Amino acid sequence: MKRRLYLTVGSVAGLLVLLMLVSACMWPMINVVETGQTAEYPEIQPGYYSTEPERILHESAASVEALERWTLVEEDRAQRQIVAERRTRLGFVDDITIRVEPVTEFVTQVHVRSASRVGKGDFGQNARNIEEFFGELDARLGSVKFDPQSAQAEEEEGAASEPAEGS
């Protein structure tokens, strides 16, 4: 009987250790992800939109309110910043800050920072928070979504196809 108990406890402990090792390989052990700033998530970049910052701030607040388990904590129109919280199913809380910044007269940039309040790793949740927010915002502002990399590539392509002067 004791032997059976020891084997069961040992098997469960071994399985937990294995699960921890697998999860450590799948997700980086970080608690903060910020657009354009987190080396572990190079694909998480700021969003660009070709409309005025006030509209984007309004739609960002509406996006936060529309998302499940998200709560709008503060909206500072003067600083163009929104503070929100997202609760996981297990009750953990992530703090999210959204900053809307004009880049040019016609382009506005949205930065998002998501940080876990507790723990030593977020199992990728902060990156998923940012992706979830941009998914909702893009659904609202899809027609004004702007990709600066494709615009730059088109500009370079157009310049390359122009005939040289004096030809």
Protein backbone atom coordinates (compact mmCIF):
# COMPACT_ATOMS: atom_id res chain seq x y z
CA MET A 1 0.00 0.00 0.00
CA LYS A 2 2.78 2.44 0.92
CA ARG A 3 4.69 1.56 -2.20
CA ARG A 4 1.66 2.33 -4.34
CA LEU A 5 1.22 5.70 -2.60
CA TYR A 6 4.89 6.57 -3.11
CA LEU A 7 4.69 5.65 -6.80
CA THR A 8 1.57 7.78 -7.27
CA VAL A 9 3.03 10.80 -5.46
CA GLY A 10 6.33 10.43 -7.33
CA SER A 11 4.54 10.17 -10.68
CA VAL A 12 2.44 13.28 -10.00
CA ALA A 13 5.52 15.24 -8.87
CA GLY A 14 7.44 14.12 -11.96
CA LEU A 15 4.55 15.12 -14.21
CA LEU A 16 4.38 18.58 -12.59
CA VAL A 17 8.11 19.10 -13.10
CA LEU A 18 7.79 18.01 -16.72
CA LEU A 19 4.88 20.40 -17.29
CA MET A 20 6.87 23.27 -15.77
CA LEU A 21 9.83 22.54 -18.04
CA VAL A 22 7.63 22.35 -21.13
CA SER A 23 5.85 25.61 -20.27
CA ALA A 24 9.18 27.35 -19.62
CA CYS A 25 10.28 26.38 -23.13
CA MET A 26 7.02 27.60 -24.70
CA TRP A 27 6.81 31.07 -23.11
CA PRO A 28 9.49 33.46 -21.94
CA MET A 29 9.57 34.03 -18.17
CA ILE A 30 8.59 37.70 -18.24
CA ASN A 31 5.76 39.68 -16.66
CA VAL A 32 5.67 42.77 -18.87
CA VAL A 33 5.11 43.06 -22.63
CA GLU A 34 5.15 46.40 -24.44
CA THR A 35 4.61 47.09 -28.13
CA GLY A 36 7.91 47.50 -29.93
CA GLN A 37 9.92 47.14 -26.70
CA THR A 38 9.89 43.44 -25.79
CA ALA A 39 12.62 41.40 -27.50
CA GLU A 40 10.86 38.14 -26.66
CA TYR A 41 7.86 39.22 -28.76
CA PRO A 42 9.21 41.05 -31.84
CA GLU A 43 5.84 40.65 -33.59
CA ILE A 44 4.07 42.76 -30.94
CA GLN A 45 4.36 46.22 -32.51
CA PRO A 46 2.47 49.51 -32.09
CA GLY A 47 -0.65 50.01 -34.18
CA TYR A 48 -0.80 52.80 -36.76
CA TYR A 49 -4.00 54.44 -37.96
CA SER A 50 -4.67 57.21 -40.48
CA THR A 51 -7.15 59.19 -38.40
CA GLU A 52 -7.12 61.76 -35.61
CA PRO A 53 -5.92 60.75 -32.11
CA GLU A 54 -9.21 61.74 -30.44
CA ARG A 55 -11.15 59.20 -32.50
CA ILE A 56 -8.62 56.48 -31.74
CA LEU A 57 -8.73 57.29 -28.02
CA HIS A 58 -12.54 57.07 -28.07
CA GLU A 59 -12.51 53.76 -29.99
CA SER A 60 -9.77 52.40 -27.70
CA ALA A 61 -11.93 53.07 -24.64
CA ALA A 62 -14.92 51.47 -26.38
CA SER A 63 -12.76 48.46 -27.28
CA VAL A 64 -11.69 47.99 -23.65
CA GLU A 65 -15.30 48.15 -22.50
CA ALA A 66 -16.36 45.62 -25.16
CA LEU A 67 -13.73 43.02 -24.25
CA GLU A 68 -14.66 40.22 -21.88
CA ARG A 69 -13.02 40.41 -18.41
CA TRP A 70 -11.57 43.89 -19.19
CA THR A 71 -12.35 46.92 -17.03
CA LEU A 72 -11.70 50.55 -17.93
CA VAL A 73 -9.97 52.06 -14.87
CA GLU A 74 -9.04 55.54 -16.11
CA GLU A 75 -9.19 57.59 -19.29
CA ASP A 76 -6.98 60.67 -19.43
CA ARG A 77 -7.96 62.64 -22.54
CA ALA A 78 -5.29 65.32 -21.95
CA GLN A 79 -2.48 62.72 -21.91
CA ARG A 80 -4.28 60.50 -24.47
CA GLN A 81 -3.88 57.52 -22.18
CA ILE A 82 -6.16 54.73 -20.97
CA VAL A 83 -5.55 52.47 -18.00
CA ALA A 84 -7.39 49.15 -17.89
CA GLU A 85 -7.37 45.85 -16.02
CA ARG A 86 -7.91 42.35 -17.31
CA ARG A 87 -8.84 39.52 -14.97
CA THR A 88 -7.95 35.97 -15.92
CA ARG A 89 -10.28 33.07 -15.22
CA LEU A 90 -8.08 32.19 -12.25
CA GLY A 91 -8.46 35.67 -10.76
CA PHE A 92 -5.06 37.10 -11.67
CA VAL A 93 -5.07 40.75 -12.75
CA ASP A 94 -3.04 42.29 -15.55
CA ASP A 95 -2.59 46.08 -15.76
CA ILE A 96 -2.83 47.50 -19.26
CA THR A 97 -1.82 50.99 -20.38
CA ILE A 98 -2.79 52.30 -23.80
CA ARG A 99 -1.12 55.46 -25.16
CA VAL A 100 -2.32 57.25 -28.29
CA GLU A 101 0.35 59.43 -29.92
CA PRO A 102 0.15 61.49 -33.11
CA VAL A 103 3.08 60.71 -35.42
CA THR A 104 2.28 63.10 -38.27
CA GLU A 105 -0.72 65.17 -39.23
CA PHE A 106 -2.27 62.08 -40.83
CA VAL A 107 -0.93 59.14 -38.79
CA THR A 108 -1.54 58.16 -35.15
CA GLN A 109 0.33 55.47 -33.22
CA VAL A 110 -1.08 53.29 -30.43
CA HIS A 111 1.29 51.83 -27.82
CA VAL A 112 0.12 49.15 -25.40
CA ARG A 113 1.82 47.85 -22.26
CA SER A 114 0.49 44.84 -20.36
CA ALA A 115 1.96 43.79 -17.02
CA SER A 116 1.09 40.98 -14.62
CA ARG A 117 0.69 41.98 -10.99
CA VAL A 118 2.02 38.72 -9.54
CA GLY A 119 4.20 35.78 -10.51
CA LYS A 120 7.48 35.27 -12.31
CA GLY A 121 6.05 34.44 -15.72
CA ASP A 122 2.82 35.18 -17.52
CA PHE A 123 2.65 32.09 -19.80
CA GLY A 124 2.21 34.48 -22.75
CA GLN A 125 -0.91 36.18 -21.34
CA ASN A 126 0.40 39.76 -21.62
CA ALA A 127 1.16 39.29 -25.32
CA ARG A 128 -2.31 37.78 -25.79
CA ASN A 129 -3.83 40.79 -23.98
CA ILE A 130 -2.19 43.16 -26.48
CA GLU A 131 -3.24 41.03 -29.44
CA GLU A 132 -6.81 40.84 -28.09
CA PHE A 133 -6.98 44.62 -27.69
CA PHE A 134 -5.64 45.29 -31.20
CA GLY A 135 -8.05 42.70 -32.62
CA GLU A 136 -11.00 44.62 -31.16
CA LEU A 137 -9.59 48.05 -32.09
CA ASP A 138 -8.82 46.93 -35.65
CA ALA A 139 -12.37 45.60 -36.00
CA ARG A 140 -13.62 49.08 -35.10
CA LEU A 141 -11.05 51.05 -37.13
CA GLY A 142 -10.15 48.54 -39.85
CA SER A 143 -10.60 50.96 -42.72
CA VAL A 144 -8.07 53.39 -41.27
CA LYS A 145 -5.48 50.78 -40.22
CA PHE A 146 -2.09 51.84 -41.53
CA ASP A 147 1.03 49.71 -42.00
CA PRO A 148 4.11 51.97 -42.14
CA GLN A 149 6.34 49.14 -43.40
CA SER A 150 4.16 48.41 -46.44
CA ALA A 151 3.80 52.14 -47.12
CA GLN A 152 7.59 52.53 -47.03
CA ALA A 153 8.02 49.51 -49.34
CA GLU A 154 5.49 50.96 -51.80
CA GLU A 155 7.30 54.31 -51.69
CA GLU A 156 10.66 52.66 -52.38
CA GLU A 157 9.12 50.54 -55.15
CA GLY A 158 7.61 53.64 -56.76
CA ALA A 159 10.92 55.47 -56.61
CA ALA A 160 12.75 52.51 -58.16
CA SER A 161 10.30 52.29 -61.09
CA GLU A 162 10.62 55.99 -62.02
CA PRO A 163 12.90 56.58 -65.01
CA ALA A 164 16.13 58.40 -64.26
CA GLU A 165 16.37 62.05 -65.37
CA GLY A 166 18.13 62.65 -68.63
CA SER A 167 17.22 59.22 -70.09
